[in-house]
Amino acid sequence: MTVAPTLPVRQAKVYAHAGVRTYCVVDPLHEKMTLTEYTLSSSGDYEVAAHTEDLFVTKRPWKVSVDLPALTARRAGLLARDEE
């Protein structure tokens, strides 16, 4: 899982060449954090399999859940504390 607004195209090509079948990118730059899941298609390119700002649950390649509202709230709390 990558925490960044985007994954560079070059990195996605490295993932595809290595046979990484699925990966996720968490974007922390929106008001609400978002997660996009990409899966490797038969053509060798990645396609968006899911995009959410809610609870994300997958079983690929193993069971993972990411509570994006909780992460967004945690970030907001940390930022508010820093502003004090």
N, C-alpha and C. Protein backbone atom coordinates (compact mmCIF):
# COMPACT_ATOMS: atom_id res chain seq x y z
N MET A 1 0.85 -1.16 0.00
CA MET A 1 0.00 0.00 0.00
C MET A 1 0.91 1.23 0.00
N THR A 2 0.56 2.21 -0.81
CA THR A 2 1.33 3.43 -0.94
C THR A 2 0.52 4.59 -0.40
N VAL A 3 1.14 5.46 0.39
CA VAL A 3 0.48 6.67 0.85
C VAL A 3 1.08 7.82 0.06
N ALA A 4 0.36 8.24 -0.96
CA ALA A 4 0.79 9.32 -1.84
C ALA A 4 -0.40 9.72 -2.69
N PRO A 5 -0.39 10.94 -3.23
CA PRO A 5 -1.52 11.33 -4.07
C PRO A 5 -1.61 10.49 -5.35
N THR A 6 -0.47 10.05 -5.87
CA THR A 6 -0.44 9.21 -7.07
C THR A 6 0.76 8.29 -7.00
N LEU A 7 0.76 7.30 -7.83
CA LEU A 7 1.92 6.43 -7.97
C LEU A 7 2.52 6.74 -9.33
N PRO A 8 3.79 7.11 -9.38
CA PRO A 8 4.39 7.43 -10.68
C PRO A 8 4.21 6.29 -11.69
N VAL A 9 4.00 6.66 -12.94
CA VAL A 9 3.79 5.67 -14.00
C VAL A 9 4.94 4.68 -14.04
N ARG A 10 6.15 5.17 -13.87
CA ARG A 10 7.31 4.28 -13.91
C ARG A 10 7.22 3.21 -12.82
N GLN A 11 6.80 3.61 -11.62
CA GLN A 11 6.67 2.65 -10.52
C GLN A 11 5.61 1.60 -10.83
N ALA A 12 4.49 2.03 -11.43
CA ALA A 12 3.44 1.08 -11.80
C ALA A 12 3.98 0.08 -12.82
N LYS A 13 4.82 0.52 -13.74
CA LYS A 13 5.41 -0.40 -14.72
C LYS A 13 6.34 -1.40 -14.04
N VAL A 14 7.08 -0.95 -13.04
CA VAL A 14 7.94 -1.85 -12.27
C VAL A 14 7.08 -2.90 -11.57
N TYR A 15 5.98 -2.45 -10.95
CA TYR A 15 5.07 -3.38 -10.28
C TYR A 15 4.54 -4.42 -11.28
N ALA A 16 4.10 -3.96 -12.45
CA ALA A 16 3.54 -4.86 -13.46
C ALA A 16 4.60 -5.87 -13.91
N HIS A 17 5.80 -5.40 -14.16
CA HIS A 17 6.88 -6.28 -14.60
C HIS A 17 7.19 -7.34 -13.53
N ALA A 18 7.07 -6.97 -12.27
CA ALA A 18 7.32 -7.90 -11.17
C ALA A 18 6.13 -8.83 -10.90
N GLY A 19 5.01 -8.59 -11.57
CA GLY A 19 3.84 -9.44 -11.39
C GLY A 19 2.96 -9.08 -10.22
N VAL A 20 3.10 -7.85 -9.71
CA VAL A 20 2.24 -7.39 -8.61
C VAL A 20 0.82 -7.29 -9.16
N ARG A 21 -0.07 -8.14 -8.65
CA ARG A 21 -1.42 -8.21 -9.21
C ARG A 21 -2.35 -7.12 -8.73
N THR A 22 -2.07 -6.58 -7.55
CA THR A 22 -2.93 -5.52 -7.01
C THR A 22 -2.12 -4.63 -6.09
N TYR A 23 -2.45 -3.34 -6.09
CA TYR A 23 -1.85 -2.41 -5.14
C TYR A 23 -2.84 -1.29 -4.85
N CYS A 24 -2.62 -0.62 -3.73
CA CYS A 24 -3.51 0.46 -3.31
C CYS A 24 -2.71 1.73 -3.10
N VAL A 25 -3.36 2.86 -3.38
CA VAL A 25 -2.77 4.17 -3.14
C VAL A 25 -3.72 4.94 -2.23
N VAL A 26 -3.22 5.40 -1.08
CA VAL A 26 -3.99 6.25 -0.18
C VAL A 26 -3.58 7.68 -0.46
N ASP A 27 -4.55 8.53 -0.77
CA ASP A 27 -4.29 9.95 -1.05
C ASP A 27 -4.67 10.77 0.17
N PRO A 28 -3.68 11.31 0.88
CA PRO A 28 -3.96 12.08 2.09
C PRO A 28 -4.20 13.57 1.83
N LEU A 29 -4.22 13.99 0.56
CA LEU A 29 -4.27 15.41 0.26
C LEU A 29 -5.67 15.98 0.11
N HIS A 30 -6.68 15.14 0.03
CA HIS A 30 -8.07 15.62 -0.05
C HIS A 30 -8.58 15.92 1.35
N GLU A 31 -9.70 16.63 1.42
CA GLU A 31 -10.31 16.89 2.72
C GLU A 31 -10.60 15.57 3.43
N LYS A 32 -11.12 14.60 2.68
CA LYS A 32 -11.31 13.24 3.18
C LYS A 32 -10.30 12.36 2.45
N MET A 33 -9.55 11.56 3.21
CA MET A 33 -8.58 10.67 2.58
C MET A 33 -9.31 9.68 1.67
N THR A 34 -8.68 9.36 0.56
CA THR A 34 -9.26 8.40 -0.38
C THR A 34 -8.28 7.25 -0.60
N LEU A 35 -8.82 6.13 -1.01
CA LEU A 35 -8.03 4.97 -1.35
C LEU A 35 -8.47 4.48 -2.71
N THR A 36 -7.51 4.20 -3.57
CA THR A 36 -7.79 3.63 -4.88
C THR A 36 -7.04 2.30 -4.98
N GLU A 37 -7.77 1.26 -5.34
CA GLU A 37 -7.18 -0.05 -5.54
C GLU A 37 -7.04 -0.29 -7.04
N TYR A 38 -5.87 -0.74 -7.45
CA TYR A 38 -5.59 -1.04 -8.85
C TYR A 38 -5.31 -2.53 -8.98
N THR A 39 -5.81 -3.13 -10.07
CA THR A 39 -5.52 -4.53 -10.34
C THR A 39 -4.92 -4.65 -11.74
N LEU A 40 -4.03 -5.62 -11.88
CA LEU A 40 -3.34 -5.86 -13.14
C LEU A 40 -4.28 -6.58 -14.09
N SER A 41 -4.48 -6.00 -15.27
CA SER A 41 -5.38 -6.61 -16.26
C SER A 41 -4.60 -7.61 -17.12
N SER A 42 -5.30 -8.35 -17.93
CA SER A 42 -4.66 -9.33 -18.81
C SER A 42 -3.78 -8.66 -19.86
N SER A 43 -4.02 -7.36 -20.12
CA SER A 43 -3.20 -6.63 -21.09
C SER A 43 -1.90 -6.12 -20.48
N GLY A 44 -1.74 -6.28 -19.16
CA GLY A 44 -0.53 -5.84 -18.50
C GLY A 44 -0.59 -4.43 -17.96
N ASP A 45 -1.76 -3.81 -18.05
CA ASP A 45 -1.97 -2.47 -17.51
C ASP A 45 -2.80 -2.57 -16.23
N TYR A 46 -2.71 -1.53 -15.41
CA TYR A 46 -3.51 -1.51 -14.19
C TYR A 46 -4.82 -0.80 -14.44
N GLU A 47 -5.88 -1.35 -13.84
CA GLU A 47 -7.22 -0.76 -13.91
C GLU A 47 -7.70 -0.48 -12.50
N VAL A 48 -8.51 0.57 -12.35
CA VAL A 48 -9.08 0.89 -11.05
C VAL A 48 -10.12 -0.17 -10.70
N ALA A 49 -9.90 -0.83 -9.57
CA ALA A 49 -10.84 -1.85 -9.11
C ALA A 49 -11.79 -1.28 -8.06
N ALA A 50 -11.32 -0.27 -7.31
CA ALA A 50 -12.15 0.35 -6.28
C ALA A 50 -11.59 1.74 -5.97
N HIS A 51 -12.47 2.63 -5.60
CA HIS A 51 -12.08 3.98 -5.15
C HIS A 51 -13.08 4.38 -4.07
N THR A 52 -12.57 4.77 -2.89
CA THR A 52 -13.48 5.08 -1.79
C THR A 52 -12.87 6.06 -0.82
N GLU A 53 -13.72 6.69 -0.05
CA GLU A 53 -13.30 7.50 1.10
C GLU A 53 -13.94 6.93 2.38
N ASP A 54 -14.51 5.74 2.26
CA ASP A 54 -15.17 5.06 3.38
C ASP A 54 -14.30 3.89 3.84
N LEU A 55 -14.90 2.93 4.49
CA LEU A 55 -14.19 1.73 4.92
C LEU A 55 -13.86 0.90 3.68
N PHE A 56 -12.59 0.54 3.55
CA PHE A 56 -12.14 -0.29 2.43
C PHE A 56 -11.76 -1.66 2.97
N VAL A 57 -12.31 -2.70 2.35
CA VAL A 57 -12.01 -4.07 2.75
C VAL A 57 -11.71 -4.87 1.48
N THR A 58 -10.63 -5.63 1.52
CA THR A 58 -10.29 -6.50 0.39
C THR A 58 -9.75 -7.82 0.91
N LYS A 59 -9.76 -8.81 0.05
CA LYS A 59 -9.15 -10.11 0.37
C LYS A 59 -7.98 -10.38 -0.56
N ARG A 60 -7.62 -9.37 -1.41
CA ARG A 60 -6.52 -9.52 -2.36
C ARG A 60 -5.32 -8.73 -1.90
N PRO A 61 -4.17 -9.20 -1.82
CA PRO A 61 -3.78 -10.61 -1.86
C PRO A 61 -4.01 -11.29 -0.52
N TRP A 62 -4.38 -10.52 0.50
CA TRP A 62 -4.78 -11.06 1.80
C TRP A 62 -5.81 -10.09 2.38
N LYS A 63 -6.46 -10.49 3.45
CA LYS A 63 -7.51 -9.66 4.02
C LYS A 63 -6.92 -8.40 4.65
N VAL A 64 -7.39 -7.26 4.20
CA VAL A 64 -6.95 -5.95 4.70
C VAL A 64 -8.18 -5.06 4.81
N SER A 65 -8.23 -4.26 5.87
CA SER A 65 -9.27 -3.24 5.95
C SER A 65 -8.60 -1.93 6.35
N VAL A 66 -9.09 -0.85 5.74
CA VAL A 66 -8.56 0.49 6.01
C VAL A 66 -9.75 1.38 6.29
N ASP A 67 -9.79 1.94 7.49
CA ASP A 67 -10.88 2.82 7.91
C ASP A 67 -10.50 4.26 7.57
N LEU A 68 -10.84 4.68 6.36
CA LEU A 68 -10.45 6.01 5.89
C LEU A 68 -11.10 7.14 6.69
N PRO A 69 -12.37 7.04 7.12
CA PRO A 69 -12.91 8.10 7.97
C PRO A 69 -12.13 8.25 9.28
N ALA A 70 -11.69 7.13 9.86
CA ALA A 70 -10.90 7.20 11.09
C ALA A 70 -9.54 7.85 10.83
N LEU A 71 -8.92 7.52 9.71
CA LEU A 71 -7.64 8.15 9.36
C LEU A 71 -7.80 9.64 9.11
N THR A 72 -8.89 10.02 8.45
CA THR A 72 -9.16 11.43 8.18
C THR A 72 -9.37 12.18 9.50
N ALA A 73 -10.13 11.59 10.42
CA ALA A 73 -10.36 12.22 11.73
C ALA A 73 -9.06 12.32 12.51
N ARG A 74 -8.26 11.29 12.46
CA ARG A 74 -6.97 11.31 13.18
C ARG A 74 -6.07 12.42 12.63
N ARG A 75 -6.01 12.54 11.31
CA ARG A 75 -5.22 13.60 10.69
C ARG A 75 -5.73 14.97 11.11
N ALA A 76 -7.05 15.16 11.11
CA ALA A 76 -7.64 16.44 11.49
C ALA A 76 -7.29 16.77 12.94
N GLY A 77 -7.34 15.77 13.82
CA GLY A 77 -6.98 15.98 15.22
C GLY A 77 -5.53 16.38 15.38
N LEU A 78 -4.65 15.73 14.65
CA LEU A 78 -3.23 16.06 14.72
C LEU A 78 -2.95 17.46 14.19
N LEU A 79 -3.61 17.82 13.11
CA LEU A 79 -3.42 19.16 12.54
C LEU A 79 -3.95 20.24 13.48
N ALA A 80 -5.10 19.97 14.10
CA ALA A 80 -5.67 20.93 15.06
C ALA A 80 -4.76 21.11 16.25
N ARG A 81 -4.18 20.03 16.73
CA ARG A 81 -3.25 20.09 17.85
C ARG A 81 -2.01 20.90 17.48
N ASP A 82 -1.54 20.73 16.27
CA ASP A 82 -0.35 21.48 15.81
C ASP A 82 -0.63 22.97 15.71
N GLU A 83 -1.89 23.35 15.44
CA GLU A 83 -2.25 24.76 15.29
C GLU A 83 -2.41 25.46 16.63
N GLU A 84 -2.49 24.71 17.72
CA GLU A 84 -2.71 25.31 19.05
C GLU A 84 -1.47 26.02 19.54
